[in-house]
Amino acid sequence: MFTSCEQEADVNIPVPKEVTIAYSSQSVLDTLSVFISKSLYIYDTASYIISDTSVEASIERNGIKTSLKLVADRYVAEDFKSNPGDSLVLQISRSGCEKATAFTKVPESIIPHSIEITAAALLIEEVYFSKVQLSFQDPANETNFYEFNISVTMIDNSSVNTIGYHQVKSFDPIIVNEDIMQYEPITILFSDALFNGSSVNIPMYYYLGFWPDNLQKVIVSSELRNVTKEHYDYFKTLYKYLYNESGIWQGMTQPVKLNGNVENGFGLFSVYTSSYDSIIYDFR
């Protein structure tokens, strides 16, 4: 049934080399913590122990350095606070790896936003969706990057069930222009390329799920993050990677490179500002 041409190919197996992996993406209000690990060679069967004493990590804020301490599985900067506009530099040294560094700048603006919900606004093959209208004012004279997240909590007589952010759709040009919806993103990422400095209203739709008969309340909570470009680039490529990895033709697609900002390493170092809004439906 199948025919193919045969051709010899030389493959060079790379020399084993450990590379530092670092990850931190959190609110400016949280205590700064970084997950630090290392890459494994393809033929390495040894497990990695997180409490590697050879790691020395520090965070520099506007020229002032603070050491990070290992707490559980994270390296934490105790009593460290950053503010919008601060420049942060992460530095990681470990035995057997090149010194890894990552730079980020905390976004200036905390964006107040509002949401309006229209129940059962969209009907697709007898599946009901609710319409979410996201509204906010974009600051002018700078490029901004955003991440929108929504969660739905249902409270009945005996339990509290948070169904989280899932099956969200948007057909707005702002979101369609991002070329992300086809990859089933967990959060919605977009820039202000089409509306810089303007007031914006973006319609989105989320799946209602199944409501129990004894439902008392539904709480729809949303978070709008003003993120860094590094965060925006990293998660857009991460969602593409996850989508391709889980497909039926796994291994048959082009590899997706994650756009991190860790020099001499892999991963993401980013801090964001955010605002919250919520709507409560009381059925009692």
C-alpha atoms as a PDB file:
ATOM      1  CA  MET A   1       0.000   0.000   0.000  1.00  0.00           C
ATOM      2  CA  PHE A   2       2.862   2.352   0.718  1.00  0.00           C
ATOM      3  CA  THR A   3       6.080   2.969  -1.161  1.00  0.00           C
ATOM      4  CA  SER A   4       9.032   5.061  -0.150  1.00  0.00           C
ATOM      5  CA  CYS A   5      12.532   5.993  -1.176  1.00  0.00           C
ATOM      6  CA  GLU A   6      15.419   4.893   0.984  1.00  0.00           C
ATOM      7  CA  GLN A   7      18.306   7.187   1.773  1.00  0.00           C
ATOM      8  CA  GLU A   8      21.032   6.926   4.357  1.00  0.00           C
ATOM      9  CA  ALA A   9      21.317   9.769   6.841  1.00  0.00           C
ATOM     10  CA  ASP A  10      23.943  10.579   9.446  1.00  0.00           C
ATOM     11  CA  VAL A  11      22.619  11.641  12.830  1.00  0.00           C
ATOM     12  CA  ASN A  12      24.829  13.355  15.370  1.00  0.00           C
ATOM     13  CA  ILE A  13      23.745  12.637  18.943  1.00  0.00           C
ATOM     14  CA  PRO A  14      24.439  15.778  20.998  1.00  0.00           C
ATOM     15  CA  VAL A  15      26.868  15.709  23.892  1.00  0.00           C
ATOM     16  CA  PRO A  16      25.015  15.559  27.244  1.00  0.00           C
ATOM     17  CA  LYS A  17      24.599  19.081  28.592  1.00  0.00           C
ATOM     18  CA  GLU A  18      22.510  20.275  31.518  1.00  0.00           C
ATOM     19  CA  VAL A  19      20.507  23.463  31.026  1.00  0.00           C
ATOM     20  CA  THR A  20      18.714  25.427  33.733  1.00  0.00           C
ATOM     21  CA  ILE A  21      14.921  25.624  33.597  1.00  0.00           C
ATOM     22  CA  ALA A  22      13.148  28.405  35.487  1.00  0.00           C
ATOM     23  CA  TYR A  23       9.496  29.372  35.689  1.00  0.00           C
ATOM     24  CA  SER A  24       7.673  32.198  37.444  1.00  0.00           C
ATOM     25  CA  SER A  25       4.495  33.947  36.339  1.00  0.00           C
ATOM     26  CA  GLN A  26       2.511  35.622  39.083  1.00  0.00           C
ATOM     27  CA  SER A  27       0.738  38.721  40.307  1.00  0.00           C
ATOM     28  CA  VAL A  28       2.731  41.707  41.496  1.00  0.00           C
ATOM     29  CA  LEU A  29       0.884  41.329  44.824  1.00  0.00           C
ATOM     30  CA  ASP A  30       2.151  37.792  45.500  1.00  0.00           C
ATOM     31  CA  THR A  31       5.397  36.816  47.206  1.00  0.00           C
ATOM     32  CA  LEU A  32       7.853  36.225  44.395  1.00  0.00           C
ATOM     33  CA  SER A  33       8.729  32.541  43.926  1.00  0.00           C
ATOM     34  CA  VAL A  34      10.516  30.710  41.121  1.00  0.00           C
ATOM     35  CA  PHE A  35      10.465  27.029  40.189  1.00  0.00           C
ATOM     36  CA  ILE A  36      14.031  26.019  39.256  1.00  0.00           C
ATOM     37  CA  SER A  37      14.963  22.711  37.674  1.00  0.00           C
ATOM     38  CA  LYS A  38      17.320  21.418  35.012  1.00  0.00           C
ATOM     39  CA  SER A  39      16.997  19.644  31.689  1.00  0.00           C
ATOM     40  CA  LEU A  40      17.548  15.903  31.396  1.00  0.00           C
ATOM     41  CA  TYR A  41      19.632  14.253  28.717  1.00  0.00           C
ATOM     42  CA  ILE A  42      17.575  12.013  26.436  1.00  0.00           C
ATOM     43  CA  TYR A  43      19.260   8.857  27.765  1.00  0.00           C
ATOM     44  CA  ASP A  44      19.362   9.983  31.416  1.00  0.00           C
ATOM     45  CA  THR A  45      17.237   7.743  33.648  1.00  0.00           C
ATOM     46  CA  ALA A  46      18.146   9.378  36.966  1.00  0.00           C
ATOM     47  CA  SER A  47      15.391  11.343  38.705  1.00  0.00           C
ATOM     48  CA  TYR A  48      15.993  14.966  39.628  1.00  0.00           C
ATOM     49  CA  ILE A  49      15.899  16.045  43.255  1.00  0.00           C
ATOM     50  CA  ILE A  50      14.413  19.523  43.673  1.00  0.00           C
ATOM     51  CA  SER A  51      16.505  20.390  46.746  1.00  0.00           C
ATOM     52  CA  ASP A  52      19.684  20.725  44.707  1.00  0.00           C
ATOM     53  CA  THR A  53      22.104  22.519  47.029  1.00  0.00           C
ATOM     54  CA  SER A  54      24.247  23.679  44.116  1.00  0.00           C
ATOM     55  CA  VAL A  55      21.630  26.263  43.079  1.00  0.00           C
ATOM     56  CA  GLU A  56      22.244  29.901  43.947  1.00  0.00           C
ATOM     57  CA  ALA A  57      19.481  32.243  42.853  1.00  0.00           C
ATOM     58  CA  SER A  58      18.850  35.939  43.353  1.00  0.00           C
ATOM     59  CA  ILE A  59      16.493  38.637  42.165  1.00  0.00           C
ATOM     60  CA  GLU A  60      17.662  42.173  41.426  1.00  0.00           C
ATOM     61  CA  ARG A  61      15.147  44.999  41.642  1.00  0.00           C
ATOM     62  CA  ASN A  62      16.222  48.390  40.370  1.00  0.00           C
ATOM     63  CA  GLY A  63      19.834  47.505  41.190  1.00  0.00           C
ATOM     64  CA  ILE A  64      19.157  46.005  44.670  1.00  0.00           C
ATOM     65  CA  LYS A  65      19.819  42.238  44.956  1.00  0.00           C
ATOM     66  CA  THR A  66      17.839  39.792  47.127  1.00  0.00           C
ATOM     67  CA  SER A  67      18.743  36.105  47.545  1.00  0.00           C
ATOM     68  CA  LEU A  68      16.143  33.390  46.932  1.00  0.00           C
ATOM     69  CA  LYS A  69      15.696  30.578  49.459  1.00  0.00           C
ATOM     70  CA  LEU A  70      14.396  27.069  48.811  1.00  0.00           C
ATOM     71  CA  VAL A  71      10.926  26.614  50.365  1.00  0.00           C
ATOM     72  CA  ALA A  72       9.196  23.315  49.506  1.00  0.00           C
ATOM     73  CA  ASP A  73       9.594  23.079  45.698  1.00  0.00           C
ATOM     74  CA  ARG A  74      10.086  26.788  44.965  1.00  0.00           C
ATOM     75  CA  TYR A  75      12.819  29.360  45.449  1.00  0.00           C
ATOM     76  CA  VAL A  76      11.253  32.261  47.314  1.00  0.00           C
ATOM     77  CA  ALA A  77      12.320  35.895  47.753  1.00  0.00           C
ATOM     78  CA  GLU A  78      11.184  36.504  51.327  1.00  0.00           C
ATOM     79  CA  ASP A  79      10.056  40.027  52.265  1.00  0.00           C
ATOM     80  CA  PHE A  80      10.456  41.067  48.632  1.00  0.00           C
ATOM     81  CA  LYS A  81       7.902  43.306  46.967  1.00  0.00           C
ATOM     82  CA  SER A  82       7.848  44.755  43.494  1.00  0.00           C
ATOM     83  CA  ASN A  83       5.791  47.604  42.078  1.00  0.00           C
ATOM     84  CA  PRO A  84       4.475  48.505  38.637  1.00  0.00           C
ATOM     85  CA  GLY A  85       7.320  49.890  36.541  1.00  0.00           C
ATOM     86  CA  ASP A  86      10.074  48.014  38.413  1.00  0.00           C
ATOM     87  CA  SER A  87      12.821  46.301  36.422  1.00  0.00           C
ATOM     88  CA  LEU A  88      13.622  42.794  37.683  1.00  0.00           C
ATOM     89  CA  VAL A  89      16.563  40.533  36.844  1.00  0.00           C
ATOM     90  CA  LEU A  90      16.626  36.859  37.849  1.00  0.00           C
ATOM     91  CA  GLN A  91      20.068  35.235  38.156  1.00  0.00           C
ATOM     92  CA  ILE A  92      20.615  31.500  38.644  1.00  0.00           C
ATOM     93  CA  SER A  93      23.958  29.752  39.141  1.00  0.00           C
ATOM     94  CA  ARG A  94      24.408  26.016  39.527  1.00  0.00           C
ATOM     95  CA  SER A  95      27.146  23.448  39.174  1.00  0.00           C
ATOM     96  CA  GLY A  96      27.390  22.014  35.661  1.00  0.00           C
ATOM     97  CA  CYS A  97      25.268  24.718  33.976  1.00  0.00           C
ATOM     98  CA  GLU A  98      25.932  28.114  32.485  1.00  0.00           C
ATOM     99  CA  LYS A  99      24.704  31.037  34.549  1.00  0.00           C
ATOM    100  CA  ALA A 100      21.093  31.727  33.579  1.00  0.00           C
ATOM    101  CA  THR A 101      19.525  35.174  33.640  1.00  0.00           C
ATOM    102  CA  ALA A 102      16.092  36.565  32.831  1.00  0.00           C
ATOM    103  CA  PHE A 103      14.842  40.136  32.624  1.00  0.00           C
ATOM    104  CA  THR A 104      11.320  41.454  33.009  1.00  0.00           C
ATOM    105  CA  LYS A 105       9.603  44.737  33.732  1.00  0.00           C
ATOM    106  CA  VAL A 106       6.426  44.873  35.794  1.00  0.00           C
ATOM    107  CA  PRO A 107       3.617  46.375  33.670  1.00  0.00           C
ATOM    108  CA  GLU A 108       2.719  49.922  34.679  1.00  0.00           C
ATOM    109  CA  SER A 109      -1.035  49.812  34.413  1.00  0.00           C
ATOM    110  CA  ILE A 110      -3.571  47.963  36.530  1.00  0.00           C
ATOM    111  CA  ILE A 111      -6.534  47.808  34.167  1.00  0.00           C
ATOM    112  CA  PRO A 112     -10.002  48.099  35.781  1.00  0.00           C
ATOM    113  CA  HIS A 113     -12.493  46.079  33.746  1.00  0.00           C
ATOM    114  CA  SER A 114     -16.132  45.061  33.811  1.00  0.00           C
ATOM    115  CA  ILE A 115     -18.080  42.127  32.432  1.00  0.00           C
ATOM    116  CA  GLU A 116     -21.703  41.786  31.405  1.00  0.00           C
ATOM    117  CA  ILE A 117     -23.305  38.349  31.121  1.00  0.00           C
ATOM    118  CA  THR A 118     -26.147  37.397  28.773  1.00  0.00           C
ATOM    119  CA  ALA A 119     -27.365  33.889  29.564  1.00  0.00           C
ATOM    120  CA  ALA A 120     -27.860  31.414  26.692  1.00  0.00           C
ATOM    121  CA  ALA A 121     -26.707  33.929  24.103  1.00  0.00           C
ATOM    122  CA  LEU A 122     -25.375  31.333  21.708  1.00  0.00           C
ATOM    123  CA  LEU A 123     -26.790  27.972  20.679  1.00  0.00           C
ATOM    124  CA  ILE A 124     -24.544  25.487  18.849  1.00  0.00           C
ATOM    125  CA  GLU A 125     -25.911  21.986  18.247  1.00  0.00           C
ATOM    126  CA  GLU A 126     -28.169  22.214  21.303  1.00  0.00           C
ATOM    127  CA  VAL A 127     -25.278  23.297  23.540  1.00  0.00           C
ATOM    128  CA  TYR A 128     -25.925  26.553  25.374  1.00  0.00           C
ATOM    129  CA  PHE A 129     -23.299  29.221  25.841  1.00  0.00           C
ATOM    130  CA  SER A 130     -23.406  32.459  27.831  1.00  0.00           C
ATOM    131  CA  LYS A 131     -22.147  35.702  26.335  1.00  0.00           C
ATOM    132  CA  VAL A 132     -19.490  37.630  28.272  1.00  0.00           C
ATOM    133  CA  GLN A 133     -18.933  41.240  27.268  1.00  0.00           C
ATOM    134  CA  LEU A 134     -15.457  42.355  28.424  1.00  0.00           C
ATOM    135  CA  SER A 135     -15.009  46.147  28.655  1.00  0.00           C
ATOM    136  CA  PHE A 136     -12.015  48.275  29.653  1.00  0.00           C
ATOM    137  CA  GLN A 137     -10.003  51.360  28.694  1.00  0.00           C
ATOM    138  CA  ASP A 138      -6.631  50.700  27.104  1.00  0.00           C
ATOM    139  CA  PRO A 139      -3.803  53.122  28.032  1.00  0.00           C
ATOM    140  CA  ALA A 140      -2.384  55.113  25.127  1.00  0.00           C
ATOM    141  CA  ASN A 141       1.208  55.650  23.960  1.00  0.00           C
ATOM    142  CA  GLU A 142       2.408  52.150  24.874  1.00  0.00           C
ATOM    143  CA  THR A 143       1.950  48.597  23.642  1.00  0.00           C
ATOM    144  CA  ASN A 144      -0.013  46.474  26.100  1.00  0.00           C
ATOM    145  CA  PHE A 145      -0.551  42.735  26.292  1.00  0.00           C
ATOM    146  CA  TYR A 146      -3.492  41.115  28.050  1.00  0.00           C
ATOM    147  CA  GLU A 147      -4.648  37.775  29.398  1.00  0.00           C
ATOM    148  CA  PHE A 148      -8.313  37.174  30.257  1.00  0.00           C
ATOM    149  CA  ASN A 149      -9.435  34.391  32.573  1.00  0.00           C
ATOM    150  CA  ILE A 150     -12.901  33.407  33.776  1.00  0.00           C
ATOM    151  CA  SER A 151     -14.192  30.847  36.293  1.00  0.00           C
ATOM    152  CA  VAL A 152     -17.729  29.711  37.087  1.00  0.00           C
ATOM    153  CA  THR A 153     -18.674  28.487  40.572  1.00  0.00           C
ATOM    154  CA  MET A 154     -21.980  26.681  41.166  1.00  0.00           C
ATOM    155  CA  ILE A 155     -23.311  26.360  44.723  1.00  0.00           C
ATOM    156  CA  ASP A 156     -26.119  23.927  45.535  1.00  0.00           C
ATOM    157  CA  ASN A 157     -27.552  22.629  48.798  1.00  0.00           C
ATOM    158  CA  SER A 158     -24.651  20.330  49.571  1.00  0.00           C
ATOM    159  CA  SER A 159     -21.572  21.345  47.584  1.00  0.00           C
ATOM    160  CA  VAL A 160     -19.527  24.031  45.875  1.00  0.00           C
ATOM    161  CA  ASN A 161     -18.335  23.201  42.375  1.00  0.00           C
ATOM    162  CA  THR A 162     -15.951  25.442  40.453  1.00  0.00           C
ATOM    163  CA  ILE A 163     -15.949  24.401  36.822  1.00  0.00           C
ATOM    164  CA  GLY A 164     -13.248  26.862  35.855  1.00  0.00           C
ATOM    165  CA  TYR A 165     -12.397  28.377  32.496  1.00  0.00           C
ATOM    166  CA  HIS A 166     -13.163  26.092  29.598  1.00  0.00           C
ATOM    167  CA  GLN A 167     -14.732  25.940  26.162  1.00  0.00           C
ATOM    168  CA  VAL A 168     -14.531  29.695  25.655  1.00  0.00           C
ATOM    169  CA  LYS A 169     -15.043  31.029  22.162  1.00  0.00           C
ATOM    170  CA  SER A 170     -14.652  34.446  20.586  1.00  0.00           C
ATOM    171  CA  PHE A 171     -15.260  35.598  17.033  1.00  0.00           C
ATOM    172  CA  ASP A 172     -14.222  39.198  17.618  1.00  0.00           C
ATOM    173  CA  PRO A 173     -11.551  40.466  15.156  1.00  0.00           C
ATOM    174  CA  ILE A 174      -9.274  41.396  18.078  1.00  0.00           C
ATOM    175  CA  ILE A 175      -9.123  37.767  19.221  1.00  0.00           C
ATOM    176  CA  VAL A 176      -9.307  36.168  15.775  1.00  0.00           C
ATOM    177  CA  ASN A 177      -6.308  38.291  14.744  1.00  0.00           C
ATOM    178  CA  GLU A 178      -4.243  36.539  17.445  1.00  0.00           C
ATOM    179  CA  ASP A 179      -4.514  33.147  15.680  1.00  0.00           C
ATOM    180  CA  ILE A 180      -4.960  31.357  19.011  1.00  0.00           C
ATOM    181  CA  MET A 181      -8.561  30.123  19.247  1.00  0.00           C
ATOM    182  CA  GLN A 182      -7.906  27.097  17.012  1.00  0.00           C
ATOM    183  CA  TYR A 183      -5.449  25.797  19.632  1.00  0.00           C
ATOM    184  CA  GLU A 184      -8.050  25.579  22.434  1.00  0.00           C
ATOM    185  CA  PRO A 185      -6.326  28.045  24.798  1.00  0.00           C
ATOM    186  CA  ILE A 186      -6.916  27.843  28.537  1.00  0.00           C
ATOM    187  CA  THR A 187      -6.776  31.636  28.804  1.00  0.00           C
ATOM    188  CA  ILE A 188      -7.363  34.300  26.148  1.00  0.00           C
ATOM    189  CA  LEU A 189      -4.234  36.259  25.176  1.00  0.00           C
ATOM    190  CA  PHE A 190      -4.345  39.396  23.043  1.00  0.00           C
ATOM    191  CA  SER A 191      -2.563  42.689  22.452  1.00  0.00           C
ATOM    192  CA  ASP A 192      -3.894  46.210  21.884  1.00  0.00           C
ATOM    193  CA  ALA A 193      -2.584  46.284  18.298  1.00  0.00           C
ATOM    194  CA  LEU A 194      -6.100  46.998  16.958  1.00  0.00           C
ATOM    195  CA  PHE A 195      -7.344  49.377  19.671  1.00  0.00           C
ATOM    196  CA  ASN A 196      -4.371  51.128  21.298  1.00  0.00           C
ATOM    197  CA  GLY A 197      -5.536  53.935  23.575  1.00  0.00           C
ATOM    198  CA  SER A 198      -9.246  53.241  23.055  1.00  0.00           C
ATOM    199  CA  SER A 199     -12.162  51.963  25.060  1.00  0.00           C
ATOM    200  CA  VAL A 200     -12.831  48.392  23.970  1.00  0.00           C
ATOM    201  CA  ASN A 201     -15.681  45.884  24.233  1.00  0.00           C
ATOM    202  CA  ILE A 202     -14.880  42.267  23.386  1.00  0.00           C
ATOM    203  CA  PRO A 203     -17.647  39.636  23.244  1.00  0.00           C
ATOM    204  CA  MET A 204     -16.778  36.089  24.292  1.00  0.00           C
ATOM    205  CA  TYR A 205     -18.824  32.963  24.972  1.00  0.00           C
ATOM    206  CA  TYR A 206     -18.401  30.277  27.617  1.00  0.00           C
ATOM    207  CA  TYR A 207     -20.082  26.912  28.029  1.00  0.00           C
ATOM    208  CA  LEU A 208     -22.756  26.859  30.718  1.00  0.00           C
ATOM    209  CA  GLY A 209     -22.254  23.271  31.796  1.00  0.00           C
ATOM    210  CA  PHE A 210     -24.898  21.242  33.604  1.00  0.00           C
ATOM    211  CA  TRP A 211     -26.749  22.980  36.413  1.00  0.00           C
ATOM    212  CA  PRO A 212     -27.991  20.821  39.322  1.00  0.00           C
ATOM    213  CA  ASP A 213     -31.697  20.861  40.196  1.00  0.00           C
ATOM    214  CA  ASN A 214     -31.049  22.270  43.684  1.00  0.00           C
ATOM    215  CA  LEU A 215     -28.846  25.132  42.436  1.00  0.00           C
ATOM    216  CA  GLN A 216     -28.686  28.128  44.804  1.00  0.00           C
ATOM    217  CA  LYS A 217     -26.062  30.456  43.329  1.00  0.00           C
ATOM    218  CA  VAL A 218     -23.816  30.860  40.308  1.00  0.00           C
ATOM    219  CA  ILE A 219     -20.747  33.091  40.643  1.00  0.00           C
ATOM    220  CA  VAL A 220     -18.972  34.159  37.450  1.00  0.00           C
ATOM    221  CA  SER A 221     -15.549  35.634  38.257  1.00  0.00           C
ATOM    222  CA  SER A 222     -13.180  37.200  35.771  1.00  0.00           C
ATOM    223  CA  GLU A 223      -9.592  38.407  35.846  1.00  0.00           C
ATOM    224  CA  LEU A 224      -7.968  40.715  33.313  1.00  0.00           C
ATOM    225  CA  ARG A 225      -4.181  40.686  33.483  1.00  0.00           C
ATOM    226  CA  ASN A 226      -1.836  43.263  32.033  1.00  0.00           C
ATOM    227  CA  VAL A 227       1.069  40.963  31.184  1.00  0.00           C
ATOM    228  CA  THR A 228       4.541  41.368  29.739  1.00  0.00           C
ATOM    229  CA  LYS A 229       5.370  40.589  26.123  1.00  0.00           C
ATOM    230  CA  GLU A 230       7.428  37.622  27.364  1.00  0.00           C
ATOM    231  CA  HIS A 231       4.349  36.196  29.110  1.00  0.00           C
ATOM    232  CA  TYR A 232       2.208  36.807  26.017  1.00  0.00           C
ATOM    233  CA  ASP A 233       4.710  35.130  23.657  1.00  0.00           C
ATOM    234  CA  TYR A 234       5.380  32.185  25.979  1.00  0.00           C
ATOM    235  CA  PHE A 235       1.772  31.182  26.572  1.00  0.00           C
ATOM    236  CA  LYS A 236       0.726  31.618  22.948  1.00  0.00           C
ATOM    237  CA  THR A 237       3.403  29.127  21.913  1.00  0.00           C
ATOM    238  CA  LEU A 238       2.662  26.902  24.931  1.00  0.00           C
ATOM    239  CA  TYR A 239      -0.986  26.472  23.885  1.00  0.00           C
ATOM    240  CA  LYS A 240       0.111  25.600  20.344  1.00  0.00           C
ATOM    241  CA  TYR A 241       2.554  23.046  21.755  1.00  0.00           C
ATOM    242  CA  LEU A 242      -0.064  21.436  24.023  1.00  0.00           C
ATOM    243  CA  TYR A 243      -2.577  21.283  21.191  1.00  0.00           C
ATOM    244  CA  ASN A 244      -0.148  19.594  18.794  1.00  0.00           C
ATOM    245  CA  GLU A 245       1.152  17.227  21.471  1.00  0.00           C
ATOM    246  CA  SER A 246      -2.271  15.777  22.289  1.00  0.00           C
ATOM    247  CA  GLY A 247      -3.391  15.214  18.671  1.00  0.00           C
ATOM    248  CA  ILE A 248      -4.012  11.789  17.158  1.00  0.00           C
ATOM    249  CA  TRP A 249      -1.026  12.298  14.841  1.00  0.00           C
ATOM    250  CA  GLN A 250       1.376  12.966  17.702  1.00  0.00           C
ATOM    251  CA  GLY A 251       4.890  13.159  16.350  1.00  0.00           C
ATOM    252  CA  MET A 252       3.680  13.999  12.842  1.00  0.00           C
ATOM    253  CA  THR A 253       3.416  17.776  13.340  1.00  0.00           C
ATOM    254  CA  GLN A 254       6.075  20.445  13.206  1.00  0.00           C
ATOM    255  CA  PRO A 255       7.718  21.030  16.612  1.00  0.00           C
ATOM    256  CA  VAL A 256       6.711  24.206  18.440  1.00  0.00           C
ATOM    257  CA  LYS A 257       9.443  26.215  20.143  1.00  0.00           C
ATOM    258  CA  LEU A 258       8.418  27.893  23.386  1.00  0.00           C
ATOM    259  CA  ASN A 259       9.341  31.575  23.411  1.00  0.00           C
ATOM    260  CA  GLY A 260      10.839  31.944  26.880  1.00  0.00           C
ATOM    261  CA  ASN A 261      12.992  34.771  28.188  1.00  0.00           C
ATOM    262  CA  VAL A 262      15.601  32.812  30.193  1.00  0.00           C
ATOM    263  CA  GLU A 263      19.057  33.386  28.729  1.00  0.00           C
ATOM    264  CA  ASN A 264      21.315  30.286  28.859  1.00  0.00           C
ATOM    265  CA  GLY A 265      18.266  28.286  29.892  1.00  0.00           C
ATOM    266  CA  PHE A 266      14.609  27.572  29.273  1.00  0.00           C
ATOM    267  CA  GLY A 267      11.428  28.954  30.804  1.00  0.00           C
ATOM    268  CA  LEU A 268       9.632  32.141  31.719  1.00  0.00           C
ATOM    269  CA  PHE A 269      10.193  34.872  34.279  1.00  0.00           C
ATOM    270  CA  SER A 270       7.311  37.350  34.389  1.00  0.00           C
ATOM    271  CA  VAL A 271       5.171  39.433  36.746  1.00  0.00           C
ATOM    272  CA  TYR A 272       1.749  40.878  35.899  1.00  0.00           C
ATOM    273  CA  THR A 273      -0.824  43.346  37.254  1.00  0.00           C
ATOM    274  CA  SER A 274      -4.518  42.516  37.215  1.00  0.00           C
ATOM    275  CA  SER A 275      -8.074  43.500  38.075  1.00  0.00           C
ATOM    276  CA  TYR A 276     -11.134  41.429  39.003  1.00  0.00           C
ATOM    277  CA  ASP A 277     -14.870  41.549  38.467  1.00  0.00           C
ATOM    278  CA  SER A 278     -17.682  39.133  39.310  1.00  0.00           C
ATOM    279  CA  ILE A 279     -21.426  38.608  38.860  1.00  0.00           C
ATOM    280  CA  ILE A 280     -23.593  36.612  41.280  1.00  0.00           C
ATOM    281  CA  TYR A 281     -26.829  34.906  40.285  1.00  0.00           C
ATOM    282  CA  ASP A 282     -28.963  34.051  43.332  1.00  0.00           C
ATOM    283  CA  PHE A 283     -31.730  31.540  42.592  1.00  0.00           C
ATOM    284  CA  ARG A 284     -33.044  31.191  46.157  1.00  0.00           C
END
